[in-house]
Amino acid sequence: MRSGNGRGARPEAGRPEPDRLAAVLRPVRAGNGFEEALEQILQIVRLGLVPDGERLPAERELAERLGISRVTLREVLRVLAEQGLVVSRRGRYGGTFVRHPQPPVEGTDPPEGLLRATGAADVDVADTLRFREVLESGAAELCAARGLSEAEAARLRAALDDTRDAALADYRRSDTLFHLTLVELADCPSLTAQYAAVRAKVNDLLGRIPLLVRNLEHAQQQHAALVEAVLAQDPERARAVAREHCAGTAALLRGFLG
């Protein structure tokens, strides 16, 4: 973790970056096209799958992946723009660009409008944190039990390195991608989809509390221990470290949010 503006490690040359959006984007059901499309794109924003200031996929691609018309998609993007979560630009280099809310500094609260936009005001904290712990500890155990290929192990190490190299303002995005990578490597798409949804809620909650360097340093130690346990193919240890890490985040959120 750094205080500068570095972006962290990039995928090795010749190795394609994983399709992060696949964890979230899926065809919506016919009866709730607008609502479900809005939910999925909100998850992309909350999870930081598209970095701040970078562009969402083109309208045609998004509409195809969601299984909705471009008219419906534009209605969704209009709502997100009204909430300040995306901005549309015209021209050759135009498109729809993500705007991530900045984490609050200690002693301040985010605007009420932001809480409404992200849904943070309505999150059941206890339920969300319990579910996150179940999913994440289970994924860690699965990864350690199945063993990772050399390429998968390299991907997990790279995700860990990204959290170490991340600028403070970008840390939570890198942290999210580290945990999402771990879950994806469990090789269970249903688990990945459920985790993406609950992690979006966790990120809503984290966005309401300040970044604490002491906590982030401790989290980094736990991340390293988790990777070590997974690569050592120690399912019991991997599960225990993941549970301890989730419990630490839960304690922090309970302390700030009551």
Protein backbone atom coordinates (compact mmCIF):
# COMPACT_ATOMS: atom_id res chain seq x y z
CA MET A 1 0.00 0.00 0.00
CA ARG A 2 1.44 3.33 -1.04
CA SER A 3 0.47 6.94 -0.54
CA GLY A 4 1.34 7.87 -4.15
CA ASN A 5 -0.68 7.58 -7.32
CA GLY A 6 0.61 4.25 -8.68
CA ARG A 7 -1.85 1.79 -10.15
CA GLY A 8 -0.12 -1.40 -9.07
CA ALA A 9 1.05 -4.40 -11.08
CA ARG A 10 -0.40 -5.10 -14.52
CA PRO A 11 -1.03 -8.50 -16.05
CA GLU A 12 2.07 -10.05 -17.61
CA ALA A 13 2.58 -9.47 -21.32
CA GLY A 14 0.70 -12.01 -23.38
CA ARG A 15 -1.62 -12.96 -20.54
CA PRO A 16 -5.16 -11.57 -21.03
CA GLU A 17 -6.74 -9.85 -18.05
CA PRO A 18 -9.73 -11.81 -16.67
CA ASP A 19 -13.19 -10.62 -17.66
CA ARG A 20 -14.06 -9.09 -14.28
CA LEU A 21 -17.51 -8.07 -15.42
CA ALA A 22 -18.46 -11.72 -15.96
CA ALA A 23 -18.86 -12.04 -12.18
CA VAL A 24 -21.74 -9.56 -12.33
CA LEU A 25 -23.20 -9.20 -15.81
CA ARG A 26 -25.78 -11.77 -16.86
CA PRO A 27 -29.02 -11.67 -18.90
CA VAL A 28 -31.85 -10.17 -16.88
CA ARG A 29 -35.31 -11.65 -16.51
CA ALA A 30 -37.92 -10.28 -18.85
CA GLY A 31 -40.24 -8.87 -16.19
CA ASN A 32 -37.64 -6.73 -14.38
CA GLY A 33 -35.23 -5.70 -17.11
CA PHE A 34 -34.72 -2.12 -16.00
CA GLU A 35 -34.43 -2.90 -12.28
CA GLU A 36 -32.08 -5.86 -12.68
CA ALA A 37 -29.88 -4.04 -15.18
CA LEU A 38 -29.62 -1.10 -12.77
CA GLU A 39 -28.68 -3.49 -9.96
CA GLN A 40 -25.94 -5.12 -11.99
CA ILE A 41 -24.33 -1.90 -13.19
CA LEU A 42 -24.48 -0.54 -9.64
CA GLN A 43 -22.58 -3.65 -8.54
CA ILE A 44 -19.90 -2.90 -11.14
CA VAL A 45 -19.50 0.58 -9.66
CA ARG A 46 -19.56 -0.58 -6.04
CA LEU A 47 -17.05 -3.35 -6.63
CA GLY A 48 -14.69 -1.07 -8.52
CA LEU A 49 -14.60 -3.47 -11.47
CA VAL A 50 -14.22 -0.43 -13.69
CA PRO A 51 -11.71 2.03 -12.17
CA ASP A 52 -12.64 5.60 -11.40
CA GLY A 53 -12.59 7.71 -14.53
CA GLU A 54 -12.52 4.74 -16.90
CA ARG A 55 -15.18 3.80 -19.40
CA LEU A 56 -17.92 1.22 -19.12
CA PRO A 57 -18.23 -1.18 -22.06
CA ALA A 58 -19.94 0.28 -25.11
CA GLU A 59 -23.73 0.48 -25.01
CA ARG A 60 -24.11 -2.25 -27.62
CA GLU A 61 -21.96 -4.69 -25.61
CA LEU A 62 -23.65 -3.87 -22.31
CA ALA A 63 -27.12 -4.24 -23.80
CA GLU A 64 -26.21 -7.59 -25.36
CA ARG A 65 -24.69 -8.96 -22.16
CA LEU A 66 -27.68 -7.83 -20.11
CA GLY A 67 -30.22 -8.97 -22.70
CA ILE A 68 -32.01 -5.61 -22.80
CA SER A 69 -32.66 -2.98 -25.44
CA ARG A 70 -30.35 0.00 -25.79
CA VAL A 71 -33.32 2.22 -24.93
CA THR A 72 -33.67 0.48 -21.56
CA LEU A 73 -29.93 0.64 -21.00
CA ARG A 74 -29.91 4.38 -21.65
CA GLU A 75 -32.64 4.81 -19.03
CA VAL A 76 -30.45 2.93 -16.55
CA LEU A 77 -27.40 5.06 -17.38
CA ARG A 78 -29.47 8.24 -17.05
CA VAL A 79 -30.46 7.27 -13.50
CA LEU A 80 -26.83 6.54 -12.59
CA ALA A 81 -25.75 9.87 -14.08
CA GLU A 82 -28.37 11.69 -12.02
CA GLN A 83 -26.91 10.06 -8.89
CA GLY A 84 -23.40 11.18 -9.86
CA LEU A 85 -22.08 7.63 -10.32
CA VAL A 86 -21.36 7.88 -14.05
CA VAL A 87 -20.83 10.69 -16.54
CA SER A 88 -21.46 10.54 -20.29
CA ARG A 89 -19.18 12.23 -22.81
CA ARG A 90 -19.70 12.67 -26.52
CA GLY A 91 -17.19 12.59 -29.32
CA ARG A 92 -14.54 10.24 -30.64
CA TYR A 93 -13.31 9.35 -27.16
CA GLY A 94 -16.71 9.53 -25.56
CA GLY A 95 -18.76 6.96 -23.69
CA THR A 96 -20.01 6.42 -20.15
CA PHE A 97 -17.34 6.87 -17.49
CA VAL A 98 -17.46 5.70 -13.87
CA ARG A 99 -17.20 8.17 -10.99
CA HIS A 100 -16.30 6.52 -7.69
CA PRO A 101 -17.31 8.34 -4.50
CA GLN A 102 -14.23 9.26 -2.47
CA PRO A 103 -13.95 7.58 0.94
CA PRO A 104 -14.75 9.92 3.84
CA VAL A 105 -12.00 11.30 6.02
CA GLU A 106 -12.11 10.53 9.71
CA GLY A 107 -14.86 12.38 11.53
CA THR A 108 -17.02 13.03 8.47
CA ASP A 109 -20.00 11.30 6.87
CA PRO A 110 -20.83 10.88 3.18
CA PRO A 111 -23.76 12.85 1.77
CA GLU A 112 -27.20 11.37 2.32
CA GLY A 113 -27.75 11.39 -1.44
CA LEU A 114 -24.79 9.05 -1.84
CA LEU A 115 -26.20 6.64 0.74
CA ARG A 116 -29.49 6.55 -1.15
CA ALA A 117 -27.74 6.06 -4.48
CA THR A 118 -25.68 3.10 -3.29
CA GLY A 119 -28.29 1.60 -1.00
CA ALA A 120 -25.93 1.76 1.98
CA ALA A 121 -28.63 3.21 4.24
CA ASP A 122 -30.76 0.07 3.81
CA VAL A 123 -28.09 -2.63 4.26
CA ASP A 124 -28.65 -5.18 7.05
CA VAL A 125 -25.14 -5.04 8.51
CA ALA A 126 -25.18 -8.26 10.55
CA ASP A 127 -26.73 -10.36 7.79
CA THR A 128 -24.37 -8.99 5.15
CA LEU A 129 -21.25 -9.61 7.22
CA ARG A 130 -22.27 -13.16 8.19
CA PHE A 131 -22.99 -14.08 4.58
CA ARG A 132 -19.72 -12.57 3.43
CA GLU A 133 -17.81 -14.64 6.00
CA VAL A 134 -19.54 -17.87 4.94
CA LEU A 135 -18.84 -17.29 1.25
CA GLU A 136 -15.30 -16.06 1.57
CA SER A 137 -14.09 -18.64 4.08
CA GLY A 138 -15.69 -21.36 1.98
CA ALA A 139 -13.97 -20.07 -1.16
CA ALA A 140 -10.59 -20.00 0.59
CA GLU A 141 -11.07 -23.58 1.73
CA LEU A 142 -12.07 -24.69 -1.77
CA CYS A 143 -9.05 -23.00 -3.35
CA ALA A 144 -6.65 -24.64 -0.94
CA ALA A 145 -8.32 -28.03 -1.28
CA ARG A 146 -8.34 -28.10 -5.08
CA GLY A 147 -4.86 -26.63 -5.48
CA LEU A 148 -4.04 -23.91 -7.97
CA SER A 149 -2.23 -24.22 -11.26
CA GLU A 150 0.92 -22.17 -11.79
CA ALA A 151 -1.05 -19.59 -13.76
CA GLU A 152 -3.76 -19.39 -11.09
CA ALA A 153 -1.19 -19.05 -8.32
CA ALA A 154 0.52 -16.26 -10.27
CA ARG A 155 -2.82 -14.51 -10.66
CA LEU A 156 -3.48 -14.68 -6.91
CA ARG A 157 0.01 -13.39 -6.08
CA ALA A 158 -0.44 -10.53 -8.57
CA ALA A 159 -3.73 -9.56 -6.92
CA LEU A 160 -1.97 -9.53 -3.55
CA ASP A 161 0.85 -7.40 -4.96
CA ASP A 162 -1.70 -4.93 -6.32
CA THR A 163 -3.05 -4.34 -2.82
CA ARG A 164 0.50 -3.67 -1.57
CA ASP A 165 1.21 -1.24 -4.41
CA ALA A 166 -2.13 0.57 -4.39
CA ALA A 167 -2.36 4.24 -3.56
CA LEU A 168 -4.39 4.85 -0.41
CA ALA A 169 -7.34 6.27 -2.34
CA ASP A 170 -7.41 3.17 -4.58
CA TYR A 171 -6.84 0.62 -1.82
CA ARG A 172 -10.42 -0.52 -1.39
CA ARG A 173 -10.77 -1.23 -5.08
CA SER A 174 -7.56 -3.32 -5.05
CA ASP A 175 -8.74 -5.08 -1.90
CA THR A 176 -12.05 -5.95 -3.57
CA LEU A 177 -10.29 -7.35 -6.63
CA PHE A 178 -7.99 -9.45 -4.43
CA HIS A 179 -10.92 -11.07 -2.66
CA LEU A 180 -12.90 -11.46 -5.87
CA THR A 181 -9.88 -13.16 -7.47
CA LEU A 182 -9.70 -15.63 -4.58
CA VAL A 183 -13.39 -16.45 -4.95
CA GLU A 184 -13.14 -16.81 -8.73
CA LEU A 185 -10.27 -19.27 -8.28
CA ALA A 186 -12.56 -21.55 -6.29
CA ASP A 187 -13.95 -22.41 -9.73
CA CYS A 188 -17.61 -22.16 -8.74
CA PRO A 189 -19.50 -19.56 -10.84
CA SER A 190 -22.56 -19.60 -8.58
CA LEU A 191 -20.36 -18.80 -5.59
CA THR A 192 -18.69 -15.98 -7.51
CA ALA A 193 -22.03 -14.41 -8.42
CA GLN A 194 -23.28 -14.56 -4.83
CA TYR A 195 -20.02 -13.17 -3.51
CA ALA A 196 -20.03 -10.27 -5.97
CA ALA A 197 -23.49 -9.29 -4.75
CA VAL A 198 -22.63 -9.42 -1.05
CA ARG A 199 -19.27 -7.74 -1.57
CA ALA A 200 -21.04 -4.82 -3.23
CA LYS A 201 -23.04 -4.41 -0.01
CA VAL A 202 -19.87 -4.66 2.09
CA ASN A 203 -18.30 -1.94 -0.04
CA ASP A 204 -21.34 0.25 0.57
CA LEU A 205 -20.69 -0.10 4.29
CA LEU A 206 -16.94 0.45 4.00
CA GLY A 207 -17.64 3.63 2.05
CA ARG A 208 -19.29 5.05 5.17
CA ILE A 209 -16.21 4.74 7.39
CA PRO A 210 -12.75 6.31 7.14
CA LEU A 211 -9.68 4.57 5.78
CA LEU A 212 -7.46 3.67 8.75
CA VAL A 213 -3.84 2.95 7.88
CA ARG A 214 -3.32 0.76 10.95
CA ASN A 215 -6.26 -1.42 9.92
CA LEU A 216 -5.06 -1.63 6.32
CA GLU A 217 -1.59 -2.74 7.43
CA HIS A 218 -3.15 -5.50 9.54
CA ALA A 219 -5.36 -6.53 6.63
CA GLN A 220 -2.28 -6.83 4.43
CA GLN A 221 -0.71 -9.24 6.89
CA GLN A 222 -3.86 -11.35 6.81
CA HIS A 223 -3.96 -11.25 3.01
CA ALA A 224 -0.42 -12.58 2.87
CA ALA A 225 -1.22 -15.34 5.37
CA LEU A 226 -4.30 -16.28 3.36
CA VAL A 227 -2.35 -16.57 0.11
CA GLU A 228 0.32 -18.61 1.88
CA ALA A 229 -2.28 -21.05 3.23
CA VAL A 230 -3.98 -21.44 -0.14
CA LEU A 231 -0.72 -22.05 -1.99
CA ALA A 232 0.37 -24.50 0.70
CA GLN A 233 -2.89 -26.39 0.05
CA ASP A 234 -3.92 -26.11 3.70
CA PRO A 235 -7.75 -25.86 3.62
CA GLU A 236 -8.19 -25.65 7.39
CA ARG A 237 -5.68 -22.84 7.75
CA ALA A 238 -7.05 -20.98 4.71
CA ARG A 239 -10.57 -21.11 6.12
CA ALA A 240 -9.41 -19.96 9.56
CA VAL A 241 -7.44 -17.00 8.20
CA ALA A 242 -10.34 -15.94 5.97
CA ARG A 243 -12.77 -16.09 8.91
CA GLU A 244 -10.40 -14.07 11.10
CA HIS A 245 -9.99 -11.47 8.38
CA CYS A 246 -13.76 -11.16 7.84
CA ALA A 247 -14.28 -10.91 11.61
CA GLY A 248 -11.84 -8.00 11.77
CA THR A 249 -13.72 -6.09 9.09
CA ALA A 250 -17.01 -6.88 10.84
CA ALA A 251 -15.71 -5.54 14.14
CA LEU A 252 -14.55 -2.31 12.49
CA LEU A 253 -17.91 -1.77 10.80
CA ARG A 254 -19.87 -2.52 13.98
CA GLY A 255 -17.70 -0.05 15.85
CA PHE A 256 -18.34 2.79 13.42
CA LEU A 257 -21.91 1.99 12.37
CA GLY A 258 -23.29 0.65 15.64
